């Protein structure tokens, strides 16, 4: 399982929007410049975030983007789904029908309607990951950054966008 770098850029970009006053926004050009990205690439990221209702766009010369929801209500999982879509990590192909240890097609212990143990374990693991990523929000990330980054760096980033 691998998430694209677009997820990372989305999370980083969203952090910068947290402290933006409700009547303001940050433009793609500024966000792209700050992160060393192309505007085109970041526009694709924000298009997906807007479609998912995570951000909203503000039209006009001084337009840009702002969070559409409270940072407490935007989880890492929400961002991952907005960027990557709603596809399962593990996709069972039901290969047990051709399982190497199955000697014949009349095996009494092989119930076609039972849940494959491998699929069950993989789905449970995926659910645990989803639950964990759903528990981490932008508000949590913002607080964690404040706890671990020098305040000068945080203030310098805020100053860049104002």
N, C-alpha and C. Protein backbone atom coordinates (compact mmCIF):
# COMPACT_ATOMS: atom_id res chain seq x y z
N UNK A 1 0.83 -1.16 0.00
CA UNK A 1 0.00 0.00 0.00
C UNK A 1 0.89 1.24 0.00
N UNK A 2 0.55 2.15 -0.87
CA UNK A 2 1.35 3.35 -0.98
C UNK A 2 0.43 4.52 -1.34
N UNK A 3 0.54 5.58 -0.56
CA UNK A 3 -0.21 6.79 -0.89
C UNK A 3 0.70 7.71 -1.69
N UNK A 4 0.10 8.45 -2.59
CA UNK A 4 0.90 9.36 -3.42
C UNK A 4 1.39 10.54 -2.59
N UNK A 5 2.40 11.20 -3.09
CA UNK A 5 2.96 12.38 -2.42
C UNK A 5 1.93 13.50 -2.36
N UNK A 6 0.90 13.40 -3.18
CA UNK A 6 -0.17 14.39 -3.18
C UNK A 6 -0.84 14.47 -1.80
N UNK A 7 -0.93 13.34 -1.10
CA UNK A 7 -1.50 13.31 0.25
C UNK A 7 -0.66 14.16 1.18
N UNK A 8 0.65 14.01 1.10
CA UNK A 8 1.54 14.79 1.96
C UNK A 8 1.42 16.28 1.67
N UNK A 9 1.41 16.65 0.39
CA UNK A 9 1.27 18.06 0.05
C UNK A 9 -0.08 18.61 0.50
N UNK A 10 -1.10 17.81 0.42
CA UNK A 10 -2.43 18.24 0.87
C UNK A 10 -2.41 18.53 2.37
N UNK A 11 -1.87 17.60 3.16
CA UNK A 11 -1.82 17.79 4.61
C UNK A 11 -0.98 19.01 4.99
N UNK A 12 0.17 19.15 4.35
CA UNK A 12 1.02 20.32 4.64
C UNK A 12 0.29 21.62 4.28
N UNK A 13 -0.34 21.64 3.14
CA UNK A 13 -1.04 22.84 2.70
C UNK A 13 -2.20 23.19 3.63
N UNK A 14 -2.92 22.18 4.06
CA UNK A 14 -4.07 22.42 4.92
C UNK A 14 -3.67 23.02 6.26
N UNK A 15 -2.50 22.64 6.76
CA UNK A 15 -2.02 23.20 8.02
C UNK A 15 -1.91 24.72 7.93
N UNK A 16 -1.47 25.21 6.78
CA UNK A 16 -1.29 26.66 6.62
C UNK A 16 -2.63 27.39 6.59
N UNK A 17 -3.70 26.68 6.29
CA UNK A 17 -5.02 27.30 6.23
C UNK A 17 -5.72 27.37 7.59
N UNK A 18 -5.19 26.67 8.58
CA UNK A 18 -5.86 26.56 9.87
C UNK A 18 -6.08 27.92 10.53
N UNK A 19 -5.08 28.75 10.56
CA UNK A 19 -5.19 30.02 11.28
C UNK A 19 -5.64 31.19 10.40
N UNK A 20 -6.07 30.89 9.18
CA UNK A 20 -6.54 31.94 8.29
C UNK A 20 -7.92 32.40 8.78
N UNK A 21 -8.10 33.70 9.00
CA UNK A 21 -9.41 34.19 9.43
C UNK A 21 -10.50 33.80 8.43
N UNK A 22 -11.70 33.63 8.93
CA UNK A 22 -12.83 33.14 8.12
C UNK A 22 -13.08 33.97 6.86
N UNK A 23 -12.83 35.26 6.93
CA UNK A 23 -13.09 36.14 5.79
C UNK A 23 -11.93 36.19 4.79
N UNK A 24 -10.83 35.56 5.12
CA UNK A 24 -9.64 35.56 4.25
C UNK A 24 -9.44 34.20 3.59
N UNK A 25 -8.44 34.14 2.74
CA UNK A 25 -8.05 32.89 2.08
C UNK A 25 -6.57 33.00 1.72
N UNK A 26 -6.01 31.88 1.31
CA UNK A 26 -4.63 31.86 0.82
C UNK A 26 -4.67 31.36 -0.61
N UNK A 27 -3.97 32.06 -1.49
CA UNK A 27 -3.95 31.69 -2.90
C UNK A 27 -3.03 30.52 -3.19
N UNK A 28 -3.35 29.82 -4.25
CA UNK A 28 -2.53 28.69 -4.70
C UNK A 28 -1.10 29.14 -4.99
N UNK A 29 -0.97 30.31 -5.57
CA UNK A 29 0.36 30.80 -5.93
C UNK A 29 1.25 30.89 -4.69
N UNK A 30 0.73 31.44 -3.61
CA UNK A 30 1.49 31.57 -2.36
C UNK A 30 1.81 30.20 -1.77
N UNK A 31 0.81 29.34 -1.72
CA UNK A 31 1.02 27.99 -1.17
C UNK A 31 2.06 27.22 -1.98
N UNK A 32 1.97 27.33 -3.30
CA UNK A 32 2.92 26.63 -4.18
C UNK A 32 4.32 27.19 -4.00
N UNK A 33 4.43 28.49 -3.95
CA UNK A 33 5.75 29.13 -3.79
C UNK A 33 6.38 28.71 -2.46
N UNK A 34 5.60 28.73 -1.40
CA UNK A 34 6.12 28.40 -0.07
C UNK A 34 6.64 26.97 -0.01
N UNK A 35 5.99 26.06 -0.74
CA UNK A 35 6.37 24.64 -0.69
C UNK A 35 7.26 24.22 -1.85
N UNK A 36 7.55 25.14 -2.76
CA UNK A 36 8.40 24.80 -3.89
C UNK A 36 7.72 23.88 -4.88
N UNK A 37 6.42 24.07 -5.10
CA UNK A 37 5.64 23.24 -6.01
C UNK A 37 5.15 24.07 -7.19
N UNK A 38 4.72 23.38 -8.21
CA UNK A 38 4.10 24.11 -9.32
C UNK A 38 2.65 24.43 -8.94
N UNK A 39 2.17 25.55 -9.42
CA UNK A 39 0.79 25.94 -9.16
C UNK A 39 -0.18 24.93 -9.76
N UNK A 40 0.17 24.42 -10.92
CA UNK A 40 -0.69 23.45 -11.61
C UNK A 40 -0.89 22.21 -10.75
N UNK A 41 0.20 21.70 -10.20
CA UNK A 41 0.14 20.49 -9.38
C UNK A 41 -0.71 20.75 -8.13
N UNK A 42 -0.44 21.85 -7.45
CA UNK A 42 -1.17 22.16 -6.23
C UNK A 42 -2.64 22.46 -6.52
N UNK A 43 -2.92 23.00 -7.69
CA UNK A 43 -4.32 23.22 -8.09
C UNK A 43 -5.07 21.90 -8.19
N UNK A 44 -4.39 20.86 -8.68
CA UNK A 44 -5.01 19.53 -8.75
C UNK A 44 -5.32 19.01 -7.34
N UNK A 45 -4.38 19.22 -6.44
CA UNK A 45 -4.58 18.80 -5.04
C UNK A 45 -5.81 19.50 -4.47
N UNK A 46 -5.86 20.82 -4.64
CA UNK A 46 -6.95 21.59 -4.06
C UNK A 46 -8.28 21.35 -4.77
N UNK A 47 -8.24 20.99 -6.02
CA UNK A 47 -9.46 20.60 -6.71
C UNK A 47 -10.09 19.39 -6.05
N UNK A 48 -9.27 18.41 -5.70
CA UNK A 48 -9.76 17.21 -5.03
C UNK A 48 -10.26 17.52 -3.62
N UNK A 49 -9.53 18.40 -2.91
CA UNK A 49 -9.94 18.77 -1.56
C UNK A 49 -11.26 19.55 -1.58
N UNK A 50 -11.42 20.40 -2.58
CA UNK A 50 -12.67 21.18 -2.71
C UNK A 50 -13.84 20.26 -3.04
N UNK A 51 -13.62 19.32 -3.94
CA UNK A 51 -14.67 18.38 -4.33
C UNK A 51 -15.15 17.56 -3.13
N UNK A 52 -14.22 17.28 -2.20
CA UNK A 52 -14.55 16.50 -1.01
C UNK A 52 -15.14 17.37 0.11
N UNK A 53 -15.21 18.68 -0.11
CA UNK A 53 -15.78 19.57 0.90
C UNK A 53 -14.84 19.92 2.04
N UNK A 54 -13.56 19.70 1.85
CA UNK A 54 -12.57 20.01 2.89
C UNK A 54 -12.18 21.48 2.83
N UNK A 55 -12.05 22.01 1.63
CA UNK A 55 -11.75 23.43 1.44
C UNK A 55 -12.81 24.03 0.53
N UNK A 56 -12.88 25.35 0.56
CA UNK A 56 -13.74 26.05 -0.39
C UNK A 56 -12.90 27.12 -1.06
N UNK A 57 -13.24 27.40 -2.29
CA UNK A 57 -12.49 28.41 -3.03
C UNK A 57 -13.17 29.76 -2.90
N UNK A 58 -12.33 30.78 -2.89
CA UNK A 58 -12.81 32.15 -2.83
C UNK A 58 -12.42 32.79 -4.16
N UNK A 59 -13.39 33.18 -4.97
CA UNK A 59 -13.07 33.75 -6.28
C UNK A 59 -12.54 35.19 -6.17
N UNK A 60 -11.95 35.63 -7.24
CA UNK A 60 -11.50 37.02 -7.30
C UNK A 60 -10.00 37.17 -7.25
N UNK A 61 -9.57 38.41 -7.41
CA UNK A 61 -8.14 38.73 -7.44
C UNK A 61 -7.46 38.34 -6.13
N UNK A 62 -8.13 38.58 -5.02
CA UNK A 62 -7.55 38.22 -3.72
C UNK A 62 -8.09 36.88 -3.24
N UNK A 63 -8.59 36.09 -4.17
CA UNK A 63 -9.17 34.80 -3.83
C UNK A 63 -8.12 33.75 -3.51
N UNK A 64 -8.61 32.62 -3.17
CA UNK A 64 -7.74 31.50 -2.82
C UNK A 64 -8.59 30.40 -2.21
N UNK A 65 -8.05 29.78 -1.18
CA UNK A 65 -8.76 28.69 -0.51
C UNK A 65 -8.76 28.92 0.99
N UNK A 66 -9.78 28.36 1.61
CA UNK A 66 -9.86 28.33 3.07
C UNK A 66 -10.54 27.02 3.47
N UNK A 67 -10.35 26.66 4.72
CA UNK A 67 -10.98 25.43 5.21
C UNK A 67 -12.48 25.60 5.20
N UNK A 68 -13.17 24.56 4.79
CA UNK A 68 -14.62 24.59 4.76
C UNK A 68 -15.20 24.06 6.07
N UNK A 69 -14.38 23.32 6.81
CA UNK A 69 -14.82 22.72 8.08
C UNK A 69 -13.85 23.13 9.18
N UNK A 70 -14.26 22.89 10.38
CA UNK A 70 -13.40 23.09 11.54
C UNK A 70 -12.24 22.08 11.46
N UNK A 71 -11.01 22.50 11.80
CA UNK A 71 -9.87 21.56 11.75
C UNK A 71 -10.08 20.30 12.60
N UNK A 72 -10.92 20.39 13.64
CA UNK A 72 -11.21 19.21 14.46
C UNK A 72 -12.04 18.18 13.69
N UNK A 73 -12.69 18.65 12.62
CA UNK A 73 -13.57 17.77 11.85
C UNK A 73 -12.96 17.29 10.54
N UNK A 74 -11.67 17.54 10.35
CA UNK A 74 -10.98 17.08 9.14
C UNK A 74 -9.88 16.11 9.57
N UNK A 75 -10.09 14.85 9.28
CA UNK A 75 -9.11 13.84 9.68
C UNK A 75 -8.12 13.54 8.55
N UNK A 76 -7.03 12.91 8.92
CA UNK A 76 -6.07 12.46 7.91
C UNK A 76 -6.78 11.54 6.92
N UNK A 77 -7.68 10.69 7.43
CA UNK A 77 -8.38 9.74 6.56
C UNK A 77 -9.25 10.49 5.55
N UNK A 78 -9.88 11.60 5.99
CA UNK A 78 -10.69 12.41 5.08
C UNK A 78 -9.83 12.91 3.92
N UNK A 79 -8.63 13.37 4.25
CA UNK A 79 -7.72 13.91 3.24
C UNK A 79 -7.25 12.80 2.31
N UNK A 80 -6.91 11.66 2.87
CA UNK A 80 -6.48 10.52 2.05
C UNK A 80 -7.58 10.11 1.08
N UNK A 81 -8.80 10.03 1.56
CA UNK A 81 -9.91 9.65 0.68
C UNK A 81 -10.16 10.71 -0.39
N UNK A 82 -10.01 11.98 -0.03
CA UNK A 82 -10.21 13.05 -1.01
C UNK A 82 -9.18 12.94 -2.13
N UNK A 83 -7.95 12.63 -1.78
CA UNK A 83 -6.87 12.58 -2.76
C UNK A 83 -6.82 11.24 -3.49
N UNK A 84 -6.91 10.16 -2.77
CA UNK A 84 -6.71 8.83 -3.35
C UNK A 84 -8.00 8.16 -3.82
N UNK A 85 -9.12 8.60 -3.31
CA UNK A 85 -10.38 7.95 -3.65
C UNK A 85 -10.76 6.90 -2.63
N UNK A 86 -11.84 6.20 -2.91
CA UNK A 86 -12.41 5.22 -1.98
C UNK A 86 -12.14 3.80 -2.47
N UNK A 87 -10.90 3.43 -2.55
CA UNK A 87 -10.59 2.08 -2.99
C UNK A 87 -9.98 1.29 -1.83
N UNK A 88 -10.34 0.02 -1.71
CA UNK A 88 -9.76 -0.78 -0.63
C UNK A 88 -8.29 -1.05 -0.89
N UNK A 89 -7.55 -1.22 0.19
CA UNK A 89 -6.12 -1.50 0.07
C UNK A 89 -5.92 -2.93 -0.43
N UNK A 90 -6.65 -3.86 0.17
CA UNK A 90 -6.54 -5.26 -0.20
C UNK A 90 -7.77 -5.65 -1.01
N UNK A 91 -7.56 -6.25 -2.14
CA UNK A 91 -8.66 -6.68 -2.98
C UNK A 91 -8.59 -8.19 -3.16
N UNK A 92 -9.45 -8.87 -2.43
CA UNK A 92 -9.48 -10.33 -2.47
C UNK A 92 -9.91 -10.81 -3.86
N UNK A 93 -9.15 -11.71 -4.41
CA UNK A 93 -9.45 -12.28 -5.72
C UNK A 93 -10.03 -13.69 -5.59
N UNK A 94 -10.32 -14.08 -4.35
CA UNK A 94 -10.92 -15.38 -4.07
C UNK A 94 -10.13 -16.52 -4.71
N UNK A 95 -8.83 -16.47 -4.57
CA UNK A 95 -7.98 -17.50 -5.17
C UNK A 95 -8.06 -18.83 -4.44
N UNK A 96 -8.76 -18.83 -3.30
CA UNK A 96 -8.87 -20.11 -2.57
C UNK A 96 -9.59 -21.16 -3.38
N UNK A 97 -10.34 -20.71 -4.39
CA UNK A 97 -10.99 -21.67 -5.27
C UNK A 97 -9.94 -22.54 -5.97
N UNK A 98 -8.75 -22.00 -6.15
CA UNK A 98 -7.65 -22.75 -6.80
C UNK A 98 -6.51 -22.99 -5.82
N UNK A 99 -6.82 -22.99 -4.54
CA UNK A 99 -5.83 -23.13 -3.48
C UNK A 99 -4.99 -24.39 -3.69
N UNK A 100 -3.71 -24.26 -3.59
CA UNK A 100 -2.80 -25.36 -3.89
C UNK A 100 -3.01 -26.58 -2.99
N UNK A 101 -3.44 -26.38 -1.74
CA UNK A 101 -3.61 -27.50 -0.83
C UNK A 101 -4.97 -28.17 -0.95
N UNK A 102 -5.80 -27.63 -1.76
CA UNK A 102 -7.13 -28.21 -1.96
C UNK A 102 -6.99 -29.33 -2.98
N UNK A 103 -7.17 -30.55 -2.57
CA UNK A 103 -6.89 -31.70 -3.41
C UNK A 103 -7.96 -31.96 -4.48
N UNK A 104 -9.21 -31.67 -4.15
CA UNK A 104 -10.22 -31.89 -5.17
C UNK A 104 -11.36 -30.88 -4.99
N UNK A 105 -12.23 -30.82 -5.95
CA UNK A 105 -13.32 -29.83 -5.95
C UNK A 105 -14.46 -30.24 -5.01
N UNK A 106 -14.38 -31.42 -4.41
CA UNK A 106 -15.46 -31.87 -3.53
C UNK A 106 -15.06 -31.78 -2.07
N UNK A 107 -14.10 -30.95 -1.76
CA UNK A 107 -13.61 -30.79 -0.39
C UNK A 107 -14.75 -30.30 0.52
N UNK A 108 -15.10 -31.11 1.56
CA UNK A 108 -16.21 -30.76 2.45
C UNK A 108 -15.89 -29.58 3.36
N UNK A 109 -14.64 -29.36 3.68
CA UNK A 109 -14.29 -28.28 4.61
C UNK A 109 -14.15 -26.93 3.92
N UNK A 110 -14.30 -26.87 2.61
CA UNK A 110 -14.16 -25.62 1.87
C UNK A 110 -15.54 -25.08 1.51
N UNK A 111 -16.09 -24.26 2.36
CA UNK A 111 -17.41 -23.66 2.12
C UNK A 111 -17.22 -22.38 1.31
N UNK A 112 -17.78 -22.32 0.13
CA UNK A 112 -17.62 -21.15 -0.75
C UNK A 112 -18.24 -19.90 -0.14
N UNK A 113 -19.15 -20.06 0.79
CA UNK A 113 -19.81 -18.92 1.39
C UNK A 113 -19.10 -18.42 2.65
N UNK A 114 -18.10 -19.13 3.11
CA UNK A 114 -17.38 -18.69 4.31
C UNK A 114 -16.42 -17.55 3.95
N UNK A 115 -16.04 -16.80 4.94
CA UNK A 115 -15.13 -15.68 4.72
C UNK A 115 -13.70 -16.21 4.74
N UNK A 116 -12.96 -15.86 3.73
CA UNK A 116 -11.56 -16.26 3.64
C UNK A 116 -10.79 -15.63 4.81
N UNK A 117 -10.03 -16.43 5.51
CA UNK A 117 -9.27 -15.95 6.67
C UNK A 117 -8.30 -14.86 6.27
N UNK A 118 -7.65 -15.00 5.14
CA UNK A 118 -6.69 -13.99 4.69
C UNK A 118 -7.41 -12.67 4.43
N UNK A 119 -8.52 -12.73 3.74
CA UNK A 119 -9.30 -11.52 3.46
C UNK A 119 -9.77 -10.87 4.76
N UNK A 120 -10.25 -11.68 5.69
CA UNK A 120 -10.73 -11.19 6.98
C UNK A 120 -9.62 -10.44 7.73
N UNK A 121 -8.45 -11.02 7.81
CA UNK A 121 -7.32 -10.37 8.50
C UNK A 121 -6.94 -9.06 7.81
N UNK A 122 -6.89 -9.08 6.50
CA UNK A 122 -6.51 -7.88 5.76
C UNK A 122 -7.54 -6.77 5.94
N UNK A 123 -8.83 -7.13 5.92
CA UNK A 123 -9.88 -6.14 6.13
C UNK A 123 -9.85 -5.56 7.54
N UNK A 124 -9.56 -6.41 8.53
CA UNK A 124 -9.45 -5.93 9.91
C UNK A 124 -8.27 -4.98 10.06
N UNK A 125 -7.15 -5.31 9.44
CA UNK A 125 -5.97 -4.43 9.51
C UNK A 125 -6.26 -3.09 8.85
N UNK A 126 -6.93 -3.13 7.71
CA UNK A 126 -7.28 -1.91 7.01
C UNK A 126 -8.22 -1.05 7.87
N UNK A 127 -9.16 -1.69 8.55
CA UNK A 127 -10.08 -0.96 9.42
C UNK A 127 -9.33 -0.30 10.58
N UNK A 128 -8.37 -0.99 11.15
CA UNK A 128 -7.57 -0.41 12.23
C UNK A 128 -6.78 0.81 11.75
N UNK A 129 -6.23 0.71 10.55
CA UNK A 129 -5.51 1.85 9.99
C UNK A 129 -6.47 3.01 9.75
N UNK A 130 -7.63 2.72 9.18
CA UNK A 130 -8.64 3.77 8.93
C UNK A 130 -9.04 4.44 10.24
N UNK A 131 -9.28 3.63 11.26
CA UNK A 131 -9.67 4.19 12.57
C UNK A 131 -8.57 5.10 13.12
N UNK A 132 -7.33 4.66 13.02
CA UNK A 132 -6.22 5.46 13.53
C UNK A 132 -6.09 6.78 12.76
N UNK A 133 -6.12 6.70 11.43
CA UNK A 133 -6.00 7.92 10.62
C UNK A 133 -7.22 8.83 10.79
N UNK A 134 -8.35 8.26 11.10
CA UNK A 134 -9.55 9.06 11.37
C UNK A 134 -9.44 9.78 12.71
N UNK A 135 -8.64 9.24 13.62
CA UNK A 135 -8.48 9.87 14.94
C UNK A 135 -7.50 11.04 14.93
N UNK A 136 -6.72 11.15 13.88
CA UNK A 136 -5.75 12.24 13.76
C UNK A 136 -6.36 13.32 12.88
N UNK A 137 -6.54 14.50 13.45
CA UNK A 137 -7.19 15.60 12.73
C UNK A 137 -6.20 16.72 12.45
N UNK A 138 -6.64 17.68 11.66
CA UNK A 138 -5.80 18.85 11.41
C UNK A 138 -5.56 19.63 12.69
N UNK A 139 -6.57 19.68 13.56
CA UNK A 139 -6.39 20.37 14.85
C UNK A 139 -5.30 19.68 15.66
N UNK A 140 -5.32 18.33 15.69
CA UNK A 140 -4.29 17.58 16.40
C UNK A 140 -2.91 17.87 15.79
N UNK A 141 -2.83 17.85 14.46
CA UNK A 141 -1.56 18.11 13.77
C UNK A 141 -1.03 19.49 14.10
N UNK A 142 -1.91 20.47 14.09
CA UNK A 142 -1.51 21.84 14.40
C UNK A 142 -0.94 21.94 15.81
N UNK A 143 -1.59 21.31 16.76
CA UNK A 143 -1.10 21.32 18.15
C UNK A 143 0.23 20.58 18.27
N UNK A 144 0.35 19.47 17.58
CA UNK A 144 1.59 18.70 17.62
C UNK A 144 2.75 19.51 17.05
N UNK A 145 2.50 20.21 15.95
CA UNK A 145 3.54 21.05 15.36
C UNK A 145 3.94 22.18 16.32
N UNK A 146 2.96 22.77 16.97
CA UNK A 146 3.25 23.84 17.95
C UNK A 146 4.10 23.31 19.10
N UNK A 147 3.86 22.06 19.48
CA UNK A 147 4.62 21.45 20.58
C UNK A 147 6.04 21.09 20.19
N UNK A 148 6.28 20.85 18.90
CA UNK A 148 7.59 20.32 18.48
C UNK A 148 8.43 21.25 17.61
N UNK A 149 7.83 22.27 17.03
CA UNK A 149 8.60 23.19 16.19
C UNK A 149 8.92 24.47 16.96
N UNK A 150 10.06 25.06 16.67
CA UNK A 150 10.35 26.36 17.30
C UNK A 150 9.30 27.38 16.87
N UNK A 151 8.87 28.19 17.82
CA UNK A 151 7.82 29.16 17.54
C UNK A 151 8.23 30.14 16.44
N UNK A 152 9.54 30.39 16.29
CA UNK A 152 10.02 31.29 15.24
C UNK A 152 9.68 30.75 13.85
N UNK A 153 9.79 29.45 13.68
CA UNK A 153 9.47 28.83 12.38
C UNK A 153 7.99 28.92 12.08
N UNK A 154 7.18 28.71 13.09
CA UNK A 154 5.73 28.79 12.91
C UNK A 154 5.34 30.23 12.56
N UNK A 155 5.90 31.18 13.28
CA UNK A 155 5.58 32.59 13.02
C UNK A 155 6.08 33.03 11.65
N UNK A 156 7.24 32.53 11.24
CA UNK A 156 7.77 32.88 9.91
C UNK A 156 6.85 32.36 8.80
N UNK A 157 6.33 31.15 9.00
CA UNK A 157 5.39 30.59 8.00
C UNK A 157 4.13 31.43 7.93
N UNK A 158 3.58 31.80 9.10
CA UNK A 158 2.38 32.63 9.13
C UNK A 158 2.63 33.97 8.47
N UNK A 159 3.80 34.54 8.72
CA UNK A 159 4.14 35.85 8.15
C UNK A 159 4.24 35.78 6.63
N UNK A 160 4.70 34.66 6.09
CA UNK A 160 4.81 34.49 4.66
C UNK A 160 3.46 34.65 3.98
N UNK A 161 2.42 34.17 4.62
CA UNK A 161 1.09 34.17 4.02
C UNK A 161 0.27 35.44 4.30
N UNK A 162 0.80 36.30 5.17
CA UNK A 162 0.05 37.54 5.44
C UNK A 162 0.63 38.73 4.72
